[in-house]
């Protein structure tokens, strides 16, 4: 958990990615006010992340744990709420 005892939500994404935009939209609807705490990381701005994820984005992690990728898995996300 982050210092504020809130889970650290991170979406690995890239600009101009329609699938990423849809993923973030669906996640925001699911999280409500907590969506403001989601950090979005551009994998293209980090060479190691670009190698790790390639085209397998978007990816959601919570506190470093993989939650889901490509599509929002509502049940898995709810486990972290």
N, C-alpha and C. Protein backbone atom coordinates (compact mmCIF):
# COMPACT_ATOMS: atom_id res chain seq x y z
N UNK A 1 0.84 -1.18 0.00
CA UNK A 1 0.00 0.00 0.00
C UNK A 1 0.88 1.24 0.00
N UNK A 2 0.37 2.29 -0.55
CA UNK A 2 1.08 3.56 -0.56
C UNK A 2 1.08 4.15 0.85
N UNK A 3 1.91 5.17 1.09
CA UNK A 3 2.00 5.75 2.42
C UNK A 3 0.66 6.20 3.00
N UNK A 4 -0.28 6.59 2.18
CA UNK A 4 -1.58 7.04 2.68
C UNK A 4 -2.52 5.87 2.95
N UNK A 5 -1.98 4.65 2.90
CA UNK A 5 -2.76 3.42 3.09
C UNK A 5 -3.81 3.21 2.02
N UNK A 6 -3.68 3.91 0.92
CA UNK A 6 -4.54 3.70 -0.23
C UNK A 6 -3.75 2.86 -1.25
N UNK A 7 -4.41 1.93 -1.91
CA UNK A 7 -3.68 1.14 -2.90
C UNK A 7 -3.16 2.03 -4.03
N UNK A 8 -2.00 1.68 -4.55
CA UNK A 8 -1.39 2.42 -5.66
C UNK A 8 -1.87 1.79 -6.97
N UNK A 9 -2.79 2.47 -7.64
CA UNK A 9 -3.35 2.02 -8.92
C UNK A 9 -2.52 2.61 -10.04
N UNK A 10 -2.05 1.77 -10.97
CA UNK A 10 -1.25 2.25 -12.09
C UNK A 10 -1.77 1.61 -13.37
N UNK A 11 -1.99 2.45 -14.38
CA UNK A 11 -2.34 1.96 -15.72
C UNK A 11 -1.15 2.24 -16.62
N UNK A 12 -0.63 1.18 -17.21
CA UNK A 12 0.45 1.31 -18.20
C UNK A 12 -0.22 1.44 -19.55
N UNK A 13 0.12 2.51 -20.25
CA UNK A 13 -0.61 2.92 -21.45
C UNK A 13 0.36 3.59 -22.41
N UNK A 14 -0.18 4.14 -23.48
CA UNK A 14 0.60 4.99 -24.38
C UNK A 14 -0.36 5.96 -25.06
N UNK A 15 0.16 7.11 -25.49
CA UNK A 15 -0.69 8.09 -26.17
C UNK A 15 -1.25 7.53 -27.48
N UNK A 16 -2.35 8.08 -27.88
CA UNK A 16 -2.99 7.72 -29.15
C UNK A 16 -3.33 6.24 -29.25
N UNK A 17 -3.73 5.66 -28.14
CA UNK A 17 -4.12 4.25 -28.08
C UNK A 17 -5.61 4.20 -27.73
N UNK A 18 -6.43 3.93 -28.70
CA UNK A 18 -7.87 3.87 -28.49
C UNK A 18 -8.27 2.84 -27.45
N UNK A 19 -7.63 1.68 -27.49
CA UNK A 19 -7.92 0.63 -26.52
C UNK A 19 -7.57 1.11 -25.11
N UNK A 20 -6.45 1.83 -24.98
CA UNK A 20 -6.04 2.37 -23.68
C UNK A 20 -7.07 3.40 -23.19
N UNK A 21 -7.52 4.26 -24.08
CA UNK A 21 -8.51 5.27 -23.70
C UNK A 21 -9.80 4.62 -23.21
N UNK A 22 -10.25 3.60 -23.90
CA UNK A 22 -11.47 2.89 -23.50
C UNK A 22 -11.26 2.20 -22.15
N UNK A 23 -10.10 1.60 -21.96
CA UNK A 23 -9.77 0.93 -20.70
C UNK A 23 -9.82 1.93 -19.55
N UNK A 24 -9.18 3.09 -19.73
CA UNK A 24 -9.16 4.11 -18.68
C UNK A 24 -10.57 4.64 -18.40
N UNK A 25 -11.38 4.79 -19.42
CA UNK A 25 -12.76 5.24 -19.25
C UNK A 25 -13.56 4.23 -18.43
N UNK A 26 -13.47 2.96 -18.79
CA UNK A 26 -14.20 1.92 -18.07
C UNK A 26 -13.71 1.81 -16.63
N UNK A 27 -12.41 1.92 -16.43
CA UNK A 27 -11.85 1.86 -15.09
C UNK A 27 -12.35 3.03 -14.25
N UNK A 28 -12.37 4.22 -14.84
CA UNK A 28 -12.84 5.41 -14.12
C UNK A 28 -14.30 5.25 -13.71
N UNK A 29 -15.12 4.70 -14.57
CA UNK A 29 -16.52 4.46 -14.22
C UNK A 29 -16.64 3.50 -13.04
N UNK A 30 -15.81 2.50 -13.04
CA UNK A 30 -15.83 1.48 -11.99
C UNK A 30 -15.30 2.03 -10.66
N UNK A 31 -14.26 2.84 -10.72
CA UNK A 31 -13.62 3.35 -9.50
C UNK A 31 -14.31 4.58 -8.92
N UNK A 32 -15.05 5.31 -9.72
CA UNK A 32 -15.69 6.53 -9.23
C UNK A 32 -14.66 7.54 -8.79
N UNK A 33 -14.81 8.09 -7.59
CA UNK A 33 -13.89 9.12 -7.09
C UNK A 33 -12.46 8.62 -6.95
N UNK A 34 -12.28 7.34 -6.74
CA UNK A 34 -10.93 6.78 -6.61
C UNK A 34 -10.16 6.86 -7.92
N UNK A 35 -10.84 7.08 -9.03
CA UNK A 35 -10.16 7.16 -10.32
C UNK A 35 -9.15 8.30 -10.35
N UNK A 36 -9.36 9.33 -9.55
CA UNK A 36 -8.43 10.46 -9.50
C UNK A 36 -7.06 10.04 -8.97
N UNK A 37 -7.00 8.92 -8.26
CA UNK A 37 -5.75 8.44 -7.69
C UNK A 37 -4.98 7.51 -8.62
N UNK A 38 -5.55 7.19 -9.77
CA UNK A 38 -4.89 6.28 -10.70
C UNK A 38 -3.76 7.01 -11.42
N UNK A 39 -2.57 6.43 -11.36
CA UNK A 39 -1.42 6.97 -12.08
C UNK A 39 -1.38 6.32 -13.46
N UNK A 40 -1.25 7.13 -14.49
CA UNK A 40 -1.12 6.62 -15.86
C UNK A 40 0.33 6.79 -16.27
N UNK A 41 0.95 5.68 -16.68
CA UNK A 41 2.35 5.69 -17.07
C UNK A 41 2.44 5.39 -18.56
N UNK A 42 3.12 6.27 -19.27
CA UNK A 42 3.36 6.10 -20.71
C UNK A 42 4.53 5.14 -20.88
N UNK A 43 4.25 3.92 -21.34
CA UNK A 43 5.31 2.93 -21.48
C UNK A 43 6.37 3.36 -22.50
N UNK A 44 5.99 4.19 -23.46
CA UNK A 44 6.95 4.62 -24.47
C UNK A 44 8.00 5.58 -23.92
N UNK A 45 7.73 6.17 -22.76
CA UNK A 45 8.70 7.10 -22.19
C UNK A 45 9.70 6.40 -21.27
N UNK A 46 9.56 5.10 -21.11
CA UNK A 46 10.45 4.30 -20.27
C UNK A 46 10.91 3.09 -21.08
N UNK A 47 12.14 3.06 -21.56
CA UNK A 47 12.59 1.95 -22.41
C UNK A 47 12.36 0.56 -21.80
N UNK A 48 12.57 0.43 -20.49
CA UNK A 48 12.38 -0.89 -19.86
C UNK A 48 10.91 -1.30 -19.87
N UNK A 49 10.00 -0.33 -19.69
CA UNK A 49 8.57 -0.64 -19.75
C UNK A 49 8.13 -0.93 -21.18
N UNK A 50 8.69 -0.22 -22.12
CA UNK A 50 8.37 -0.46 -23.53
C UNK A 50 8.76 -1.88 -23.92
N UNK A 51 9.93 -2.33 -23.45
CA UNK A 51 10.36 -3.72 -23.72
C UNK A 51 9.45 -4.71 -22.99
N UNK A 52 9.12 -4.40 -21.75
CA UNK A 52 8.31 -5.33 -20.94
C UNK A 52 6.91 -5.51 -21.50
N UNK A 53 6.25 -4.39 -21.84
CA UNK A 53 4.85 -4.46 -22.25
C UNK A 53 4.65 -4.48 -23.77
N UNK A 54 5.54 -3.87 -24.52
CA UNK A 54 5.39 -3.85 -25.97
C UNK A 54 4.01 -3.38 -26.36
N UNK A 55 3.30 -4.22 -27.11
CA UNK A 55 1.95 -3.91 -27.54
C UNK A 55 0.90 -4.51 -26.61
N UNK A 56 1.33 -5.12 -25.52
CA UNK A 56 0.38 -5.76 -24.59
C UNK A 56 -0.08 -4.74 -23.54
N UNK A 57 -0.72 -3.72 -24.02
CA UNK A 57 -1.24 -2.67 -23.15
C UNK A 57 -2.69 -2.43 -23.52
N UNK A 58 -3.46 -1.82 -22.69
CA UNK A 58 -3.16 -1.31 -21.36
C UNK A 58 -3.05 -2.44 -20.34
N UNK A 59 -2.37 -2.12 -19.24
CA UNK A 59 -2.22 -3.05 -18.12
C UNK A 59 -2.51 -2.27 -16.84
N UNK A 60 -3.26 -2.89 -15.95
CA UNK A 60 -3.55 -2.29 -14.65
C UNK A 60 -2.84 -3.09 -13.57
N UNK A 61 -2.13 -2.36 -12.69
CA UNK A 61 -1.55 -2.98 -11.50
C UNK A 61 -2.05 -2.23 -10.27
N UNK A 62 -2.09 -2.93 -9.17
CA UNK A 62 -2.41 -2.32 -7.89
C UNK A 62 -1.32 -2.77 -6.92
N UNK A 63 -0.64 -1.79 -6.34
CA UNK A 63 0.49 -2.06 -5.45
C UNK A 63 1.50 -3.01 -6.10
N UNK A 64 1.67 -2.86 -7.42
CA UNK A 64 2.64 -3.67 -8.14
C UNK A 64 2.14 -5.02 -8.60
N UNK A 65 0.95 -5.41 -8.18
CA UNK A 65 0.37 -6.70 -8.58
C UNK A 65 -0.43 -6.53 -9.87
N UNK A 66 -0.20 -7.43 -10.82
CA UNK A 66 -0.98 -7.42 -12.06
C UNK A 66 -2.45 -7.69 -11.72
N UNK A 67 -3.34 -6.85 -12.26
CA UNK A 67 -4.78 -7.03 -12.05
C UNK A 67 -5.43 -7.49 -13.34
N UNK A 68 -5.22 -6.74 -14.42
CA UNK A 68 -5.80 -7.11 -15.70
C UNK A 68 -5.12 -6.33 -16.81
N UNK A 69 -5.33 -6.79 -18.02
CA UNK A 69 -4.76 -6.12 -19.18
C UNK A 69 -5.68 -6.22 -20.37
N UNK A 70 -5.54 -5.29 -21.26
CA UNK A 70 -6.30 -5.17 -22.51
C UNK A 70 -7.76 -4.79 -22.24
N UNK A 71 -8.45 -5.56 -21.42
CA UNK A 71 -9.84 -5.29 -21.05
C UNK A 71 -9.94 -5.19 -19.53
N UNK A 72 -10.83 -4.35 -19.05
CA UNK A 72 -11.05 -4.23 -17.61
C UNK A 72 -11.76 -5.49 -17.12
N UNK A 73 -11.15 -6.17 -16.16
CA UNK A 73 -11.75 -7.33 -15.52
C UNK A 73 -12.46 -6.82 -14.26
N UNK A 74 -13.75 -6.61 -14.37
CA UNK A 74 -14.53 -5.97 -13.31
C UNK A 74 -14.41 -6.72 -11.99
N UNK A 75 -14.49 -8.02 -12.02
CA UNK A 75 -14.43 -8.81 -10.79
C UNK A 75 -13.06 -8.67 -10.11
N UNK A 76 -12.00 -8.74 -10.89
CA UNK A 76 -10.65 -8.60 -10.30
C UNK A 76 -10.45 -7.20 -9.73
N UNK A 77 -10.93 -6.17 -10.44
CA UNK A 77 -10.78 -4.81 -9.94
C UNK A 77 -11.55 -4.65 -8.63
N UNK A 78 -12.74 -5.19 -8.56
CA UNK A 78 -13.57 -5.05 -7.36
C UNK A 78 -12.91 -5.69 -6.14
N UNK A 79 -12.08 -6.69 -6.33
CA UNK A 79 -11.39 -7.33 -5.21
C UNK A 79 -10.45 -6.35 -4.51
N UNK A 80 -10.01 -5.33 -5.23
CA UNK A 80 -9.08 -4.35 -4.67
C UNK A 80 -9.80 -3.14 -4.07
N UNK A 81 -11.10 -3.07 -4.25
CA UNK A 81 -11.85 -1.93 -3.71
C UNK A 81 -12.22 -2.14 -2.25
